[in-house]
Amino acid sequence: MMLEKTTRLNYLFDFYQTLLTPKQKSYMSLYYLDDFSLGEIAEEYNVSRQAVYDNIKRTEAMLEQYEEKLLLFQKFQKRQELLTKLREYMVFTNQNPEIESLLSELEKLD
């Protein structure tokens, strides 16, 4: 369960990080991407561990709110699912190089 939450938050961070403040970006990046502990981040920024925890929890909630409204991650997941199905379908049919090229271009958009 924890890995699923971490993976989800990493995706949300990727999609919505431009909407965050520099401090929020830094805390989230250190915590989720660089695997820093709350204490290590607190020491780095000379703040309390509780301040880091509160900031991260608020930022997580903000990312979830952005996703509720914009659905970027949900749409990304659906596109990936459809691309996988199309690739699987191509295995059972004649592999048209033009279709393969179009699928590759679609994947590059994400």
C-alpha atoms as a PDB file:
ATOM      1  CA  MET A   1       0.000   0.000   0.000  1.00  0.00           C
ATOM      2  CA  MET A   2       2.801   2.421   0.885  1.00  0.00           C
ATOM      3  CA  LEU A   3       4.533   1.799  -2.443  1.00  0.00           C
ATOM      4  CA  GLU A   4       1.285   2.504  -4.321  1.00  0.00           C
ATOM      5  CA  LYS A   5       0.841   5.780  -2.427  1.00  0.00           C
ATOM      6  CA  THR A   6       4.447   6.771  -3.102  1.00  0.00           C
ATOM      7  CA  THR A   7       4.134   5.927  -6.790  1.00  0.00           C
ATOM      8  CA  ARG A   8       0.886   7.882  -7.072  1.00  0.00           C
ATOM      9  CA  LEU A   9       2.365  10.916  -5.326  1.00  0.00           C
ATOM     10  CA  ASN A  10       5.445  10.783  -7.540  1.00  0.00           C
ATOM     11  CA  TYR A  11       3.198  10.902 -10.614  1.00  0.00           C
ATOM     12  CA  LEU A  12       1.090  13.708  -9.149  1.00  0.00           C
ATOM     13  CA  PHE A  13       4.262  15.609  -8.322  1.00  0.00           C
ATOM     14  CA  ASP A  14       5.478  15.158 -11.905  1.00  0.00           C
ATOM     15  CA  PHE A  15       2.217  16.471 -13.318  1.00  0.00           C
ATOM     16  CA  TYR A  16       1.582  19.358 -10.925  1.00  0.00           C
ATOM     17  CA  GLN A  17       4.947  20.470  -9.544  1.00  0.00           C
ATOM     18  CA  THR A  18       4.845  23.724 -11.500  1.00  0.00           C
ATOM     19  CA  LEU A  19       1.858  24.733  -9.347  1.00  0.00           C
ATOM     20  CA  LEU A  20       3.848  24.367  -6.125  1.00  0.00           C
ATOM     21  CA  THR A  21       6.042  26.854  -4.300  1.00  0.00           C
ATOM     22  CA  PRO A  22       9.826  26.327  -4.408  1.00  0.00           C
ATOM     23  CA  LYS A  23       9.804  25.120  -0.780  1.00  0.00           C
ATOM     24  CA  GLN A  24       6.985  22.650  -1.454  1.00  0.00           C
ATOM     25  CA  LYS A  25       8.829  21.341  -4.520  1.00  0.00           C
ATOM     26  CA  SER A  26      12.025  20.948  -2.554  1.00  0.00           C
ATOM     27  CA  TYR A  27      10.439  19.143   0.403  1.00  0.00           C
ATOM     28  CA  MET A  28       8.476  16.791  -1.862  1.00  0.00           C
ATOM     29  CA  SER A  29      11.481  16.093  -4.051  1.00  0.00           C
ATOM     30  CA  LEU A  30      13.728  15.343  -1.096  1.00  0.00           C
ATOM     31  CA  TYR A  31      11.117  13.201   0.649  1.00  0.00           C
ATOM     32  CA  TYR A  32       9.652  11.234  -2.264  1.00  0.00           C
ATOM     33  CA  LEU A  33      12.363  11.236  -4.914  1.00  0.00           C
ATOM     34  CA  ASP A  34      15.573  11.340  -2.879  1.00  0.00           C
ATOM     35  CA  ASP A  35      14.198   9.307   0.053  1.00  0.00           C
ATOM     36  CA  PHE A  36      15.272  11.793   2.744  1.00  0.00           C
ATOM     37  CA  SER A  37      13.730  11.365   6.185  1.00  0.00           C
ATOM     38  CA  LEU A  38      11.696  14.135   7.788  1.00  0.00           C
ATOM     39  CA  GLY A  39      14.589  14.720  10.200  1.00  0.00           C
ATOM     40  CA  GLU A  40      17.116  15.068   7.384  1.00  0.00           C
ATOM     41  CA  ILE A  41      14.935  17.607   5.580  1.00  0.00           C
ATOM     42  CA  ALA A  42      14.346  19.506   8.832  1.00  0.00           C
ATOM     43  CA  GLU A  43      18.082  19.660   9.446  1.00  0.00           C
ATOM     44  CA  GLU A  44      18.738  20.804   5.869  1.00  0.00           C
ATOM     45  CA  TYR A  45      16.256  23.699   6.206  1.00  0.00           C
ATOM     46  CA  ASN A  46      16.841  24.412   9.896  1.00  0.00           C
ATOM     47  CA  VAL A  47      13.184  23.863  10.804  1.00  0.00           C
ATOM     48  CA  SER A  48      11.385  21.366  13.019  1.00  0.00           C
ATOM     49  CA  ARG A  49      10.551  17.881  11.884  1.00  0.00           C
ATOM     50  CA  GLN A  50       6.883  18.718  12.528  1.00  0.00           C
ATOM     51  CA  ALA A  51       7.095  21.727  10.172  1.00  0.00           C
ATOM     52  CA  VAL A  52       8.409  19.483   7.393  1.00  0.00           C
ATOM     53  CA  TYR A  53       5.726  16.869   8.085  1.00  0.00           C
ATOM     54  CA  ASP A  54       2.945  19.487   8.028  1.00  0.00           C
ATOM     55  CA  ASN A  55       4.258  21.008   4.795  1.00  0.00           C
ATOM     56  CA  ILE A  56       4.459  17.621   3.074  1.00  0.00           C
ATOM     57  CA  LYS A  57       0.961  16.611   4.211  1.00  0.00           C
ATOM     58  CA  ARG A  58      -0.507  19.929   3.018  1.00  0.00           C
ATOM     59  CA  THR A  59       1.283  19.558  -0.307  1.00  0.00           C
ATOM     60  CA  GLU A  60       0.036  15.986  -0.730  1.00  0.00           C
ATOM     61  CA  ALA A  61      -3.527  17.228  -0.159  1.00  0.00           C
ATOM     62  CA  MET A  62      -3.003  20.017  -2.697  1.00  0.00           C
ATOM     63  CA  LEU A  63      -1.722  17.551  -5.296  1.00  0.00           C
ATOM     64  CA  GLU A  64      -4.791  15.371  -4.744  1.00  0.00           C
ATOM     65  CA  GLN A  65      -7.048  18.425  -5.144  1.00  0.00           C
ATOM     66  CA  TYR A  66      -5.325  19.364  -8.399  1.00  0.00           C
ATOM     67  CA  GLU A  67      -5.858  15.826  -9.657  1.00  0.00           C
ATOM     68  CA  GLU A  68      -9.556  15.904  -8.669  1.00  0.00           C
ATOM     69  CA  LYS A  69     -10.008  18.999 -10.799  1.00  0.00           C
ATOM     70  CA  LEU A  70      -7.637  18.432 -13.720  1.00  0.00           C
ATOM     71  CA  LEU A  71      -7.451  14.624 -13.941  1.00  0.00           C
ATOM     72  CA  LEU A  72      -4.034  14.641 -15.653  1.00  0.00           C
ATOM     73  CA  PHE A  73      -2.869  11.452 -13.945  1.00  0.00           C
ATOM     74  CA  GLN A  74      -6.157   9.654 -14.563  1.00  0.00           C
ATOM     75  CA  LYS A  75      -6.030  10.560 -18.263  1.00  0.00           C
ATOM     76  CA  PHE A  76      -2.382   9.486 -18.443  1.00  0.00           C
ATOM     77  CA  GLN A  77      -3.258   6.088 -16.975  1.00  0.00           C
ATOM     78  CA  LYS A  78      -6.122   5.640 -19.445  1.00  0.00           C
ATOM     79  CA  ARG A  79      -3.866   6.560 -22.388  1.00  0.00           C
ATOM     80  CA  GLN A  80      -1.270   4.050 -21.220  1.00  0.00           C
ATOM     81  CA  GLU A  81      -3.932   1.364 -20.923  1.00  0.00           C
ATOM     82  CA  LEU A  82      -5.233   2.076 -24.441  1.00  0.00           C
ATOM     83  CA  LEU A  83      -1.729   2.112 -25.913  1.00  0.00           C
ATOM     84  CA  THR A  84      -1.012  -1.255 -24.310  1.00  0.00           C
ATOM     85  CA  LYS A  85      -4.219  -2.709 -25.752  1.00  0.00           C
ATOM     86  CA  LEU A  86      -3.385  -1.341 -29.197  1.00  0.00           C
ATOM     87  CA  ARG A  87       0.104  -2.855 -29.048  1.00  0.00           C
ATOM     88  CA  GLU A  88      -1.348  -6.198 -27.981  1.00  0.00           C
ATOM     89  CA  TYR A  89      -3.861  -6.027 -30.816  1.00  0.00           C
ATOM     90  CA  MET A  90      -1.066  -5.362 -33.301  1.00  0.00           C
ATOM     91  CA  VAL A  91       0.640  -8.604 -32.264  1.00  0.00           C
ATOM     92  CA  PHE A  92      -2.424 -10.557 -33.427  1.00  0.00           C
ATOM     93  CA  THR A  93      -2.863  -8.649 -36.669  1.00  0.00           C
ATOM     94  CA  ASN A  94      -0.577  -7.601 -39.454  1.00  0.00           C
ATOM     95  CA  GLN A  95       1.974  -5.268 -37.970  1.00  0.00           C
ATOM     96  CA  ASN A  96       1.584  -2.191 -40.085  1.00  0.00           C
ATOM     97  CA  PRO A  97       4.757  -0.051 -39.796  1.00  0.00           C
ATOM     98  CA  GLU A  98       2.709   3.119 -40.116  1.00  0.00           C
ATOM     99  CA  ILE A  99       0.515   2.184 -37.152  1.00  0.00           C
ATOM    100  CA  GLU A 100       3.615   1.257 -35.157  1.00  0.00           C
ATOM    101  CA  SER A 101       5.095   4.665 -35.942  1.00  0.00           C
ATOM    102  CA  LEU A 102       1.898   6.442 -34.871  1.00  0.00           C
ATOM    103  CA  LEU A 103       1.797   4.505 -31.602  1.00  0.00           C
ATOM    104  CA  SER A 104       5.411   5.459 -30.910  1.00  0.00           C
ATOM    105  CA  GLU A 105       4.607   9.121 -31.521  1.00  0.00           C
ATOM    106  CA  LEU A 106       1.652   8.909 -29.145  1.00  0.00           C
ATOM    107  CA  GLU A 107       3.870   7.412 -26.437  1.00  0.00           C
ATOM    108  CA  LYS A 108       6.384  10.236 -26.836  1.00  0.00           C
ATOM    109  CA  LEU A 109       3.671  12.792 -26.033  1.00  0.00           C
ATOM    110  CA  ASP A 110       3.546  11.530 -22.443  1.00  0.00           C
END
